[in-house]
């Protein structure tokens, strides 16, 4: 007959393992990492801090949509060598506002977008306007809005002198917001007839 194999050593081994498991201290639970701060909350905090440092707008510049648009065209216009009022320019834009030129490197080419900040425009303008006259005049506009948001398609003509020849015509796409007290510029993008490949229309309904 085959010899029987005793299971006693196995029982002893299992008993030892069980006793060790009961006497061993549980491993400490790692603390949960702190919750990541909300990006929206951080953005709101940055904006409020920026508003505290922002140059105040002149009441006559920001009380209405029309006043804000008039100030925007006026503040960048002037003869060569005339310093622009850049603090007034800055005061028109909400913190974090953007600007963008839409152009084409060559006729028939693909459109390119060059986003900048208002501060980038100031840096460029401080040099450009030393040697270049620039007068931008609004010719007509269409306004669309909902709640406190307004979008303005504003056609313009640009000249080197107030009564000089027209250098270019185009359209500014301007987004405005009302904060309950004043109007702000949120975004401006623009393109001209050369980049668009077509004259500025009397109305802006896209065919």
N, C-alpha and C. Protein backbone atom coordinates (compact mmCIF):
# COMPACT_ATOMS: atom_id res chain seq x y z
N UNK A 1 0.84 -1.20 0.00
CA UNK A 1 0.00 0.00 0.00
C UNK A 1 0.87 1.25 0.00
N UNK A 2 0.41 2.28 -0.65
CA UNK A 2 1.17 3.55 -0.58
C UNK A 2 1.07 4.15 0.79
N UNK A 3 2.16 4.79 1.22
CA UNK A 3 2.21 5.38 2.56
C UNK A 3 1.40 6.66 2.59
N UNK A 4 0.62 6.85 3.66
CA UNK A 4 -0.17 8.07 3.84
C UNK A 4 0.74 9.25 4.18
N UNK A 5 0.41 10.45 3.61
CA UNK A 5 1.20 11.67 3.89
C UNK A 5 0.44 12.49 4.91
N UNK A 6 1.10 12.78 6.00
CA UNK A 6 0.43 13.58 7.04
C UNK A 6 0.34 15.04 6.64
N UNK A 7 -0.73 15.72 7.06
CA UNK A 7 -0.96 17.15 6.74
C UNK A 7 -0.62 18.05 7.91
N UNK A 8 -0.03 17.46 8.98
CA UNK A 8 0.25 18.26 10.18
C UNK A 8 1.17 19.43 9.89
N UNK A 9 2.31 19.24 9.18
CA UNK A 9 3.18 20.41 8.94
C UNK A 9 2.46 21.53 8.22
N UNK A 10 1.57 21.18 7.29
CA UNK A 10 0.85 22.21 6.55
C UNK A 10 -0.05 22.98 7.49
N UNK A 11 -0.72 22.25 8.40
CA UNK A 11 -1.62 22.91 9.36
C UNK A 11 -0.83 23.85 10.26
N UNK A 12 0.34 23.40 10.72
CA UNK A 12 1.18 24.24 11.57
C UNK A 12 1.62 25.49 10.83
N UNK A 13 2.00 25.34 9.56
CA UNK A 13 2.46 26.48 8.76
C UNK A 13 1.34 27.50 8.59
N UNK A 14 0.13 27.01 8.27
CA UNK A 14 -1.00 27.92 8.09
C UNK A 14 -1.34 28.62 9.38
N UNK A 15 -1.24 27.90 10.49
CA UNK A 15 -1.52 28.52 11.79
C UNK A 15 -0.53 29.62 12.09
N UNK A 16 0.73 29.38 11.75
CA UNK A 16 1.77 30.39 12.00
C UNK A 16 1.51 31.65 11.18
N UNK A 17 1.15 31.44 9.91
CA UNK A 17 0.87 32.59 9.04
C UNK A 17 -0.30 33.39 9.56
N UNK A 18 -1.36 32.67 10.03
CA UNK A 18 -2.55 33.35 10.54
C UNK A 18 -2.21 34.15 11.79
N UNK A 19 -1.40 33.57 12.68
CA UNK A 19 -1.03 34.27 13.91
C UNK A 19 -0.21 35.51 13.59
N UNK A 20 0.69 35.40 12.62
CA UNK A 20 1.52 36.55 12.23
C UNK A 20 0.66 37.68 11.65
N UNK A 21 -0.32 37.27 10.84
CA UNK A 21 -1.19 38.28 10.22
C UNK A 21 -2.00 39.01 11.27
N UNK A 22 -2.42 38.27 12.33
CA UNK A 22 -3.22 38.91 13.37
C UNK A 22 -2.38 39.85 14.23
N UNK A 23 -1.12 39.52 14.42
CA UNK A 23 -0.26 40.34 15.29
C UNK A 23 0.38 41.51 14.55
N UNK A 24 0.46 41.43 13.21
CA UNK A 24 1.13 42.50 12.45
C UNK A 24 0.28 43.77 12.45
N UNK A 25 0.93 44.91 12.58
CA UNK A 25 0.23 46.20 12.55
C UNK A 25 -0.14 46.54 11.11
N UNK A 26 -1.34 47.10 10.90
CA UNK A 26 -1.72 47.47 9.53
C UNK A 26 -0.83 48.59 9.01
N UNK A 27 -0.56 48.53 7.74
CA UNK A 27 0.26 49.57 7.12
C UNK A 27 -0.49 50.90 7.14
N UNK A 28 0.21 52.00 7.40
CA UNK A 28 -0.46 53.31 7.41
C UNK A 28 -1.02 53.66 6.03
N UNK A 29 -2.17 54.27 6.04
CA UNK A 29 -2.80 54.68 4.79
C UNK A 29 -2.21 56.01 4.35
N UNK A 30 -1.75 56.06 3.12
CA UNK A 30 -1.16 57.31 2.61
C UNK A 30 -2.23 58.40 2.56
N UNK A 31 -1.89 59.60 3.02
CA UNK A 31 -2.87 60.69 2.97
C UNK A 31 -3.23 61.04 1.53
N UNK A 32 -4.46 61.43 1.33
CA UNK A 32 -4.89 61.83 -0.01
C UNK A 32 -4.25 63.15 -0.39
N UNK A 33 -3.78 63.28 -1.61
CA UNK A 33 -3.20 64.57 -2.03
C UNK A 33 -4.28 65.65 -2.02
N UNK A 34 -3.89 66.87 -1.73
CA UNK A 34 -4.89 67.95 -1.73
C UNK A 34 -5.53 68.11 -3.10
N UNK A 35 -6.77 68.47 -3.10
CA UNK A 35 -7.48 68.65 -4.36
C UNK A 35 -6.86 69.79 -5.15
N UNK A 36 -6.74 69.59 -6.44
CA UNK A 36 -6.18 70.64 -7.30
C UNK A 36 -7.11 71.85 -7.30
N UNK A 37 -6.54 73.05 -7.22
CA UNK A 37 -7.40 74.23 -7.24
C UNK A 37 -8.13 74.36 -8.56
N UNK A 38 -9.31 74.91 -8.52
CA UNK A 38 -10.11 75.08 -9.73
C UNK A 38 -9.46 76.11 -10.65
N UNK A 39 -9.20 75.75 -11.91
CA UNK A 39 -8.64 76.73 -12.85
C UNK A 39 -9.53 77.96 -13.00
N UNK A 40 -10.85 77.75 -12.95
CA UNK A 40 -11.76 78.88 -13.08
C UNK A 40 -11.64 79.83 -11.88
N UNK A 41 -11.47 79.25 -10.69
CA UNK A 41 -11.32 80.07 -9.49
C UNK A 41 -10.01 80.85 -9.55
N UNK A 42 -8.94 80.18 -9.97
CA UNK A 42 -7.65 80.86 -10.07
C UNK A 42 -7.71 82.00 -11.09
N UNK A 43 -8.39 81.76 -12.21
CA UNK A 43 -8.51 82.80 -13.23
C UNK A 43 -9.28 84.00 -12.69
N UNK A 44 -10.35 83.72 -11.93
CA UNK A 44 -11.14 84.81 -11.35
C UNK A 44 -10.30 85.62 -10.36
N UNK A 45 -9.48 84.93 -9.57
CA UNK A 45 -8.63 85.63 -8.61
C UNK A 45 -7.58 86.49 -9.32
N UNK A 46 -6.99 85.95 -10.40
CA UNK A 46 -6.01 86.73 -11.15
C UNK A 46 -6.66 87.97 -11.77
N UNK A 47 -7.88 87.79 -12.28
CA UNK A 47 -8.58 88.90 -12.91
C UNK A 47 -8.88 90.00 -11.90
N UNK A 48 -9.35 89.61 -10.72
CA UNK A 48 -9.66 90.61 -9.70
C UNK A 48 -8.41 91.36 -9.27
N UNK A 49 -7.29 90.63 -9.16
CA UNK A 49 -6.03 91.29 -8.81
C UNK A 49 -5.60 92.25 -9.91
N UNK A 50 -5.78 91.84 -11.17
CA UNK A 50 -5.40 92.71 -12.29
C UNK A 50 -6.28 93.95 -12.35
N UNK A 51 -7.56 93.80 -12.03
CA UNK A 51 -8.47 94.95 -12.05
C UNK A 51 -8.06 96.00 -11.02
N UNK A 52 -7.51 95.53 -9.90
CA UNK A 52 -7.07 96.47 -8.87
C UNK A 52 -5.91 97.34 -9.35
N UNK A 53 -5.11 96.81 -10.27
CA UNK A 53 -3.94 97.53 -10.78
C UNK A 53 -4.21 98.21 -12.12
N UNK A 54 -5.39 98.00 -12.68
CA UNK A 54 -5.69 98.47 -14.04
C UNK A 54 -5.92 99.97 -14.05
N UNK A 55 -5.41 100.67 -15.08
CA UNK A 55 -5.68 102.11 -15.18
C UNK A 55 -7.18 102.35 -15.35
N UNK A 56 -7.77 103.25 -14.59
CA UNK A 56 -9.21 103.48 -14.70
C UNK A 56 -9.58 104.14 -16.02
N UNK A 57 -10.71 103.75 -16.56
CA UNK A 57 -11.17 104.37 -17.79
C UNK A 57 -11.82 105.72 -17.51
N UNK A 58 -11.68 106.62 -18.45
CA UNK A 58 -12.38 107.90 -18.33
C UNK A 58 -13.88 107.64 -18.44
N UNK A 59 -14.68 108.21 -17.54
CA UNK A 59 -16.13 107.96 -17.61
C UNK A 59 -16.72 108.23 -18.98
N UNK A 60 -16.24 109.30 -19.64
CA UNK A 60 -16.79 109.63 -20.95
C UNK A 60 -16.37 108.63 -22.03
N UNK A 61 -15.33 107.82 -21.76
CA UNK A 61 -14.88 106.82 -22.73
C UNK A 61 -15.63 105.49 -22.61
N UNK A 62 -16.14 105.19 -21.42
CA UNK A 62 -16.61 103.83 -21.16
C UNK A 62 -18.08 103.76 -20.75
N UNK A 63 -18.80 104.86 -20.83
CA UNK A 63 -20.18 104.87 -20.34
C UNK A 63 -21.14 104.18 -21.30
N UNK A 64 -20.82 104.17 -22.60
CA UNK A 64 -21.68 103.53 -23.60
C UNK A 64 -20.82 102.77 -24.61
N UNK A 65 -21.47 101.90 -25.38
CA UNK A 65 -20.76 101.21 -26.46
C UNK A 65 -20.20 102.21 -27.46
N UNK A 66 -21.00 103.19 -27.82
CA UNK A 66 -20.58 104.18 -28.81
C UNK A 66 -19.37 104.97 -28.32
N UNK A 67 -19.38 105.33 -27.04
CA UNK A 67 -18.26 106.08 -26.49
C UNK A 67 -16.98 105.25 -26.49
N UNK A 68 -17.11 103.98 -26.15
CA UNK A 68 -15.94 103.10 -26.12
C UNK A 68 -15.34 102.92 -27.51
N UNK A 69 -16.18 102.72 -28.51
CA UNK A 69 -15.69 102.56 -29.87
C UNK A 69 -15.04 103.85 -30.37
N UNK A 70 -15.64 104.99 -30.06
CA UNK A 70 -15.05 106.26 -30.47
C UNK A 70 -13.69 106.46 -29.83
N UNK A 71 -13.56 106.11 -28.55
CA UNK A 71 -12.27 106.25 -27.86
C UNK A 71 -11.23 105.32 -28.46
N UNK A 72 -11.65 104.12 -28.84
CA UNK A 72 -10.72 103.15 -29.41
C UNK A 72 -10.11 103.66 -30.71
N UNK A 73 -10.94 104.22 -31.58
CA UNK A 73 -10.43 104.77 -32.83
C UNK A 73 -9.60 106.03 -32.59
N UNK A 74 -10.04 106.85 -31.65
CA UNK A 74 -9.36 108.12 -31.42
C UNK A 74 -7.97 107.94 -30.82
N UNK A 75 -7.83 107.01 -29.88
CA UNK A 75 -6.59 106.93 -29.12
C UNK A 75 -5.41 106.44 -29.95
N UNK A 76 -5.67 105.70 -31.04
CA UNK A 76 -4.55 105.21 -31.87
C UNK A 76 -4.28 106.12 -33.06
N UNK A 77 -5.11 107.13 -33.26
CA UNK A 77 -4.97 108.01 -34.43
C UNK A 77 -4.16 109.25 -34.09
N UNK A 78 -3.36 109.71 -35.08
CA UNK A 78 -2.57 110.92 -34.87
C UNK A 78 -1.46 111.02 -35.89
N UNK A 79 -0.82 112.18 -35.96
CA UNK A 79 0.27 112.37 -36.92
C UNK A 79 1.54 111.66 -36.47
N UNK A 80 2.48 111.54 -37.39
CA UNK A 80 3.78 110.94 -37.06
C UNK A 80 4.45 111.76 -35.97
N UNK A 81 5.04 111.08 -35.02
CA UNK A 81 5.77 111.76 -33.96
C UNK A 81 4.93 112.12 -32.76
N UNK A 82 3.62 112.03 -32.86
CA UNK A 82 2.76 112.35 -31.72
C UNK A 82 2.63 111.13 -30.82
N UNK A 83 2.99 111.30 -29.55
CA UNK A 83 2.87 110.20 -28.61
C UNK A 83 1.40 109.89 -28.35
N UNK A 84 1.04 108.64 -28.42
CA UNK A 84 -0.33 108.24 -28.12
C UNK A 84 -0.51 108.14 -26.60
N UNK A 85 -1.73 108.30 -26.16
CA UNK A 85 -2.05 108.17 -24.74
C UNK A 85 -2.25 106.69 -24.43
N UNK A 86 -1.14 106.02 -24.13
CA UNK A 86 -1.22 104.57 -23.96
C UNK A 86 -1.93 104.15 -22.69
N UNK A 87 -1.92 104.98 -21.66
CA UNK A 87 -2.69 104.65 -20.47
C UNK A 87 -4.19 104.66 -20.78
N UNK A 88 -4.60 105.62 -21.58
CA UNK A 88 -6.00 105.64 -22.02
C UNK A 88 -6.31 104.39 -22.84
N UNK A 89 -5.41 104.02 -23.74
CA UNK A 89 -5.57 102.82 -24.55
C UNK A 89 -5.74 101.59 -23.67
N UNK A 90 -4.84 101.43 -22.69
CA UNK A 90 -4.90 100.27 -21.80
C UNK A 90 -6.22 100.23 -21.03
N UNK A 91 -6.71 101.39 -20.64
CA UNK A 91 -7.91 101.45 -19.80
C UNK A 91 -9.16 100.95 -20.51
N UNK A 92 -9.12 100.84 -21.83
CA UNK A 92 -10.29 100.40 -22.58
C UNK A 92 -10.45 98.88 -22.58
N UNK A 93 -9.35 98.15 -22.29
CA UNK A 93 -9.33 96.69 -22.42
C UNK A 93 -9.49 96.00 -21.07
N UNK A 94 -10.32 94.97 -21.06
CA UNK A 94 -10.48 94.15 -19.87
C UNK A 94 -9.20 93.33 -19.66
N UNK A 95 -8.79 93.08 -18.41
CA UNK A 95 -7.60 92.25 -18.19
C UNK A 95 -7.70 90.91 -18.92
N UNK A 96 -6.63 90.57 -19.61
CA UNK A 96 -6.61 89.32 -20.38
C UNK A 96 -7.14 89.46 -21.79
N UNK A 97 -7.53 90.67 -22.20
CA UNK A 97 -8.05 90.88 -23.55
C UNK A 97 -6.99 90.53 -24.59
N UNK A 98 -7.45 90.17 -25.79
CA UNK A 98 -6.56 89.79 -26.88
C UNK A 98 -6.87 90.60 -28.13
N UNK A 99 -5.87 90.70 -29.00
CA UNK A 99 -6.02 91.33 -30.31
C UNK A 99 -5.43 90.37 -31.33
N UNK A 100 -5.93 90.42 -32.56
CA UNK A 100 -5.41 89.50 -33.58
C UNK A 100 -5.61 90.07 -34.97
N UNK A 101 -4.54 90.06 -35.75
CA UNK A 101 -4.58 90.46 -37.15
C UNK A 101 -4.74 89.21 -38.01
N UNK A 102 -5.69 89.26 -38.95
CA UNK A 102 -5.89 88.16 -39.90
C UNK A 102 -5.40 88.63 -41.26
N UNK A 103 -4.37 87.99 -41.80
CA UNK A 103 -3.77 88.45 -43.05
C UNK A 103 -3.34 87.27 -43.91
N UNK A 104 -2.85 87.58 -45.09
CA UNK A 104 -2.33 86.56 -46.01
C UNK A 104 -0.94 86.99 -46.47
N UNK A 105 -0.01 86.05 -46.44
CA UNK A 105 1.36 86.35 -46.85
C UNK A 105 1.43 86.71 -48.33
N UNK A 106 0.54 86.14 -49.13
CA UNK A 106 0.48 86.44 -50.56
C UNK A 106 -0.95 86.28 -51.05
N UNK A 107 -1.33 86.97 -52.11
CA UNK A 107 -2.70 86.86 -52.63
C UNK A 107 -3.06 85.41 -52.94
N UNK A 108 -4.21 85.00 -52.49
CA UNK A 108 -4.65 83.63 -52.72
C UNK A 108 -4.10 82.63 -51.73
N UNK A 109 -3.19 83.07 -50.85
CA UNK A 109 -2.63 82.17 -49.86
C UNK A 109 -3.59 81.93 -48.72
N UNK A 110 -3.19 81.04 -47.83
CA UNK A 110 -4.03 80.74 -46.68
C UNK A 110 -3.96 81.88 -45.67
N UNK A 111 -5.07 82.15 -44.98
CA UNK A 111 -5.04 83.22 -43.97
C UNK A 111 -4.20 82.82 -42.77
N UNK A 112 -3.51 83.79 -42.23
CA UNK A 112 -2.72 83.59 -41.02
C UNK A 112 -3.22 84.51 -39.92
N UNK A 113 -3.15 84.04 -38.69
CA UNK A 113 -3.62 84.82 -37.55
C UNK A 113 -2.43 85.11 -36.64
N UNK A 114 -2.32 86.37 -36.21
CA UNK A 114 -1.21 86.78 -35.35
C UNK A 114 -1.77 87.37 -34.06
N UNK A 115 -2.07 86.52 -33.05
CA UNK A 115 -2.62 87.04 -31.80
C UNK A 115 -1.57 87.83 -31.01
N UNK A 116 -1.99 88.93 -30.42
CA UNK A 116 -1.14 89.74 -29.56
C UNK A 116 -1.97 90.23 -28.38
N UNK A 117 -1.29 90.82 -27.41
CA UNK A 117 -1.98 91.46 -26.30
C UNK A 117 -2.01 92.96 -26.53
N UNK A 118 -2.87 93.69 -25.83
CA UNK A 118 -2.82 95.14 -25.93
C UNK A 118 -1.44 95.71 -25.61
N UNK A 119 -0.74 95.07 -24.68
CA UNK A 119 0.60 95.55 -24.34
C UNK A 119 1.57 95.34 -25.49
N UNK A 120 1.41 94.26 -26.24
CA UNK A 120 2.22 94.06 -27.44
C UNK A 120 1.96 95.19 -28.44
N UNK A 121 0.71 95.58 -28.57
CA UNK A 121 0.36 96.66 -29.50
C UNK A 121 1.01 97.96 -29.06
N UNK A 122 1.02 98.22 -27.76
CA UNK A 122 1.67 99.43 -27.24
C UNK A 122 3.15 99.43 -27.62
N UNK A 123 3.82 98.31 -27.40
CA UNK A 123 5.25 98.21 -27.72
C UNK A 123 5.49 98.47 -29.20
N UNK A 124 4.67 97.88 -30.06
CA UNK A 124 4.79 98.11 -31.50
C UNK A 124 4.48 99.56 -31.84
N UNK A 125 3.40 100.11 -31.30
CA UNK A 125 2.97 101.45 -31.64
C UNK A 125 3.94 102.53 -31.21
N UNK A 126 4.62 102.33 -30.09
CA UNK A 126 5.56 103.34 -29.61
C UNK A 126 6.66 103.59 -30.64
N UNK A 127 7.04 102.56 -31.38
CA UNK A 127 8.05 102.72 -32.42
C UNK A 127 7.43 103.15 -33.75
N UNK A 128 6.36 102.49 -34.16
CA UNK A 128 5.76 102.75 -35.46
C UNK A 128 5.26 104.19 -35.59
N UNK A 129 4.59 104.70 -34.58
CA UNK A 129 3.97 106.02 -34.69
C UNK A 129 4.98 107.17 -34.59
N UNK A 130 6.21 106.87 -34.26
CA UNK A 130 7.24 107.92 -34.28
C UNK A 130 7.48 108.43 -35.69
N UNK A 131 7.34 107.54 -36.66
CA UNK A 131 7.67 107.90 -38.05
C UNK A 131 6.50 107.74 -39.02
N UNK A 132 5.35 107.33 -38.52
CA UNK A 132 4.19 107.11 -39.39
C UNK A 132 2.96 107.80 -38.83
N UNK A 133 2.33 108.60 -39.69
CA UNK A 133 1.01 109.10 -39.34
C UNK A 133 -0.01 108.00 -39.54
N UNK A 134 -1.04 107.99 -38.71
CA UNK A 134 -2.05 106.94 -38.82
C UNK A 134 -3.37 107.48 -38.28
N UNK A 135 -4.38 107.46 -39.15
CA UNK A 135 -5.72 107.89 -38.76
C UNK A 135 -6.71 106.82 -39.21
N UNK A 136 -7.36 106.22 -38.25
CA UNK A 136 -8.34 105.18 -38.55
C UNK A 136 -9.74 105.70 -38.23
N UNK A 137 -10.62 105.60 -39.21
CA UNK A 137 -11.97 106.15 -39.08
C UNK A 137 -13.00 105.07 -39.35
N UNK A 138 -13.99 104.98 -38.48
CA UNK A 138 -15.08 104.03 -38.69
C UNK A 138 -16.02 104.57 -39.76
N UNK A 139 -16.43 103.68 -40.68
CA UNK A 139 -17.35 104.10 -41.74
C UNK A 139 -18.77 103.58 -41.52
N UNK A 140 -18.91 102.37 -41.01
CA UNK A 140 -20.22 101.87 -40.62
C UNK A 140 -20.03 100.63 -39.75
N UNK A 141 -21.10 100.24 -39.07
CA UNK A 141 -21.00 99.10 -38.14
C UNK A 141 -22.31 98.33 -38.09
N UNK A 142 -22.20 97.09 -37.65
CA UNK A 142 -23.36 96.28 -37.28
C UNK A 142 -23.10 95.71 -35.90
N UNK A 143 -24.13 95.75 -35.07
CA UNK A 143 -24.00 95.36 -33.67
C UNK A 143 -24.94 94.20 -33.37
N UNK A 144 -24.40 93.18 -32.70
CA UNK A 144 -25.19 92.03 -32.26
C UNK A 144 -24.90 91.83 -30.78
N UNK A 145 -25.90 91.42 -30.02
CA UNK A 145 -25.64 91.24 -28.61
C UNK A 145 -26.62 90.33 -27.92
N UNK A 146 -26.22 89.89 -26.73
CA UNK A 146 -27.08 89.10 -25.86
C UNK A 146 -26.61 89.32 -24.44
N UNK A 147 -27.53 89.71 -23.56
CA UNK A 147 -27.14 89.97 -22.18
C UNK A 147 -26.13 91.11 -22.13
N UNK A 148 -25.03 90.86 -21.46
CA UNK A 148 -23.98 91.87 -21.31
C UNK A 148 -22.88 91.74 -22.36
N UNK A 149 -23.06 90.81 -23.30
CA UNK A 149 -22.07 90.62 -24.36
C UNK A 149 -22.54 91.28 -25.65
N UNK A 150 -21.63 91.96 -26.32
CA UNK A 150 -21.95 92.63 -27.58
C UNK A 150 -20.82 92.36 -28.57
N UNK A 151 -21.18 92.05 -29.81
CA UNK A 151 -20.20 91.89 -30.87
C UNK A 151 -20.45 92.96 -31.93
N UNK A 152 -19.38 93.67 -32.29
CA UNK A 152 -19.48 94.77 -33.24
C UNK A 152 -18.62 94.47 -34.46
N UNK A 153 -19.20 94.49 -35.64
CA UNK A 153 -18.45 94.48 -36.88
C UNK A 153 -18.33 95.92 -37.34
N UNK A 154 -17.13 96.45 -37.27
CA UNK A 154 -16.90 97.88 -37.49
C UNK A 154 -16.00 98.07 -38.71
N UNK A 155 -16.57 98.59 -39.80
CA UNK A 155 -15.78 98.85 -41.01
C UNK A 155 -14.95 100.11 -40.82
N UNK A 156 -13.74 100.11 -41.37
CA UNK A 156 -12.85 101.26 -41.17
C UNK A 156 -12.11 101.62 -42.45
N UNK A 157 -11.60 102.85 -42.46
CA UNK A 157 -10.65 103.33 -43.46
C UNK A 157 -9.44 103.87 -42.71
N UNK A 158 -8.25 103.59 -43.23
CA UNK A 158 -7.01 104.06 -42.61
C UNK A 158 -6.28 104.99 -43.56
N UNK A 159 -5.76 106.10 -43.01
CA UNK A 159 -5.03 107.10 -43.78
C UNK A 159 -3.78 107.51 -43.01
N UNK A 160 -2.85 108.16 -43.71
CA UNK A 160 -1.68 108.73 -43.05
C UNK A 160 -1.96 110.14 -42.54
N UNK A 161 -2.96 110.79 -43.10
CA UNK A 161 -3.36 112.14 -42.70
C UNK A 161 -4.88 112.19 -42.69
N UNK A 162 -5.48 113.07 -41.88
CA UNK A 162 -6.94 113.09 -41.77
C UNK A 162 -7.67 113.20 -43.10
N UNK A 163 -7.13 114.00 -44.02
CA UNK A 163 -7.78 114.18 -45.32
C UNK A 163 -6.98 113.54 -46.45
N UNK A 164 -6.07 112.66 -46.11
CA UNK A 164 -5.22 112.02 -47.11
C UNK A 164 -5.93 110.89 -47.83
N UNK A 165 -5.20 110.29 -48.75
CA UNK A 165 -5.74 109.16 -49.51
C UNK A 165 -5.93 107.96 -48.59
N UNK A 166 -6.93 107.16 -48.90
CA UNK A 166 -7.19 105.96 -48.11
C UNK A 166 -6.11 104.92 -48.40
N UNK A 167 -5.43 104.47 -47.36
CA UNK A 167 -4.39 103.45 -47.51
C UNK A 167 -4.99 102.05 -47.55
N UNK A 168 -5.96 101.84 -46.71
CA UNK A 168 -6.57 100.51 -46.65
C UNK A 168 -7.96 100.61 -46.05
N UNK A 169 -8.79 99.66 -46.42
CA UNK A 169 -10.11 99.51 -45.83
C UNK A 169 -10.21 98.11 -45.24
N UNK A 170 -10.97 97.98 -44.19
CA UNK A 170 -11.12 96.67 -43.57
C UNK A 170 -12.23 96.65 -42.55
N UNK A 171 -12.22 95.60 -41.75
CA UNK A 171 -13.26 95.41 -40.73
C UNK A 171 -12.61 95.00 -39.42
N UNK A 172 -13.00 95.67 -38.35
CA UNK A 172 -12.63 95.27 -36.99
C UNK A 172 -13.79 94.47 -36.39
N UNK A 173 -13.47 93.30 -35.88
CA UNK A 173 -14.45 92.49 -35.15
C UNK A 173 -14.17 92.69 -33.67
N UNK A 174 -15.07 93.40 -32.98
CA UNK A 174 -14.80 93.86 -31.61
C UNK A 174 -15.83 93.25 -30.66
N UNK A 175 -15.35 92.55 -29.65
CA UNK A 175 -16.22 92.00 -28.62
C UNK A 175 -16.17 92.89 -27.39
N UNK A 176 -17.34 93.29 -26.93
CA UNK A 176 -17.47 94.17 -25.78
C UNK A 176 -18.22 93.45 -24.65
N UNK A 177 -17.99 93.92 -23.43
CA UNK A 177 -18.73 93.41 -22.28
C UNK A 177 -19.06 94.56 -21.35
N UNK A 178 -20.24 94.49 -20.75
CA UNK A 178 -20.66 95.48 -19.75
C UNK A 178 -20.62 94.81 -18.38
N UNK A 179 -19.88 95.40 -17.43
CA UNK A 179 -19.73 94.78 -16.12
C UNK A 179 -20.70 95.33 -15.08
N UNK A 180 -21.69 96.06 -15.53
CA UNK A 180 -22.65 96.66 -14.62
C UNK A 180 -22.36 98.11 -14.32
N UNK A 181 -21.11 98.53 -14.62
CA UNK A 181 -20.71 99.90 -14.36
C UNK A 181 -20.13 100.59 -15.59
N UNK A 182 -19.46 99.80 -16.44
CA UNK A 182 -18.80 100.38 -17.60
C UNK A 182 -18.64 99.33 -18.70
N UNK A 183 -18.30 99.81 -19.90
CA UNK A 183 -18.04 98.93 -21.04
C UNK A 183 -16.55 98.67 -21.18
N UNK A 184 -16.22 97.45 -21.62
CA UNK A 184 -14.84 97.02 -21.83
C UNK A 184 -14.71 96.37 -23.21
N UNK A 185 -13.48 96.42 -23.74
CA UNK A 185 -13.12 95.62 -24.91
C UNK A 185 -12.57 94.28 -24.43
N UNK A 186 -13.17 93.19 -24.89
CA UNK A 186 -12.68 91.85 -24.57
C UNK A 186 -11.73 91.31 -25.63
N UNK A 187 -12.03 91.64 -26.89
CA UNK A 187 -11.23 91.08 -27.99
C UNK A 187 -11.42 91.93 -29.24
N UNK A 188 -10.35 92.07 -30.00
CA UNK A 188 -10.43 92.70 -31.32
C UNK A 188 -9.67 91.82 -32.31
N UNK A 189 -10.30 91.49 -33.41
CA UNK A 189 -9.59 90.90 -34.54
C UNK A 189 -9.94 91.73 -35.77
N UNK A 190 -9.00 91.81 -36.71
CA UNK A 190 -9.25 92.65 -37.87
C UNK A 190 -8.61 92.06 -39.12
N UNK A 191 -9.19 92.43 -40.24
CA UNK A 191 -8.65 92.06 -41.54
C UNK A 191 -8.97 93.18 -42.51
N UNK A 192 -8.21 93.25 -43.60
CA UNK A 192 -8.45 94.31 -44.59
C UNK A 192 -8.84 93.71 -45.93
N UNK A 193 -9.12 94.59 -46.88
CA UNK A 193 -9.59 94.11 -48.19
C UNK A 193 -8.55 93.25 -48.89
N UNK A 194 -7.28 93.58 -48.71
CA UNK A 194 -6.22 92.79 -49.35
C UNK A 194 -6.23 91.37 -48.83
N UNK A 195 -6.33 91.22 -47.51
CA UNK A 195 -6.33 89.88 -46.93
C UNK A 195 -7.62 89.14 -47.22
N UNK A 196 -8.75 89.87 -47.19
CA UNK A 196 -10.04 89.23 -47.43
C UNK A 196 -10.25 88.89 -48.90
N UNK A 197 -9.58 89.63 -49.78
CA UNK A 197 -9.73 89.37 -51.20
C UNK A 197 -11.04 89.86 -51.77
N UNK A 198 -11.68 90.80 -51.07
CA UNK A 198 -12.96 91.35 -51.53
C UNK A 198 -13.18 92.70 -50.87
N UNK A 199 -13.93 93.59 -51.51
CA UNK A 199 -14.22 94.89 -50.91
C UNK A 199 -15.07 94.74 -49.64
N UNK A 200 -14.94 95.70 -48.74
CA UNK A 200 -15.79 95.73 -47.55
C UNK A 200 -17.23 95.97 -48.00
N UNK A 201 -18.16 95.09 -47.63
CA UNK A 201 -19.55 95.25 -48.08
C UNK A 201 -20.30 96.29 -47.26
N UNK A 202 -21.42 96.72 -47.82
CA UNK A 202 -22.27 97.66 -47.09
C UNK A 202 -22.93 96.98 -45.89
N UNK A 203 -23.19 95.69 -46.01
CA UNK A 203 -23.69 94.89 -44.88
C UNK A 203 -22.76 93.69 -44.73
N UNK A 204 -22.82 93.06 -43.56
CA UNK A 204 -21.86 92.00 -43.26
C UNK A 204 -22.48 90.61 -43.32
N UNK A 205 -23.58 90.46 -44.04
CA UNK A 205 -24.18 89.14 -44.21
C UNK A 205 -23.30 88.32 -45.13
N UNK A 206 -22.79 87.21 -44.61
CA UNK A 206 -21.89 86.39 -45.42
C UNK A 206 -22.68 85.52 -46.37
N UNK A 207 -22.30 85.54 -47.65
CA UNK A 207 -22.99 84.75 -48.67
C UNK A 207 -22.52 83.30 -48.63
